C-alpha cells in the first residue's frame, strides 16, 4: 500500500486520478483474500465453521454444494460450501491446497452422508455472493 501511495505522489496530476480508483480495488482484493475466508474443521458427522466471534456446527448431510472459486493464491484455492442449517441456507469460504488428502477426505465423508452433494472442481465466475 505504501508503494502505491508513493507512486501516486510521484506521478503527474493527470495520471493520479487514474490511480486513485485502484485504492478501493486493492482494499477489496485484500478483504477477499485475507478477511473473507472462514476456518473450518470437520469430524465424521459435523462441519465446524469458525468465524470471527462464533462457531457454526453443520451436519455433513446438510451440505449440498462444494465449489471452487476462481480465486487462488499459490497452491491454495478459495472454496465455497453451501449448506442448510436450521432451515436456513448458509455459505462458508475457506482455502484448501490442491490435491490435499484432508480435503479429499472431507469430500468423501460428505458424499457418504449426502450422496446428492454437488462438487464442482471448476468455476466460471468469481462467486462474490456469500
Foldseek 3Di string as FASTA:
>chain_A
DVVLVVVLVPDDPVCNVVSVVVVVVVVVVCCVPPQQAWDWDDDLFWIWTDHDPDIDIAGLQFWAEKEWAPDDDDQKTKIKIWGADPNDIDMGIHIDGPPDPVVVVSVVSSCVNHVNHYYYHDDDHRPPDD
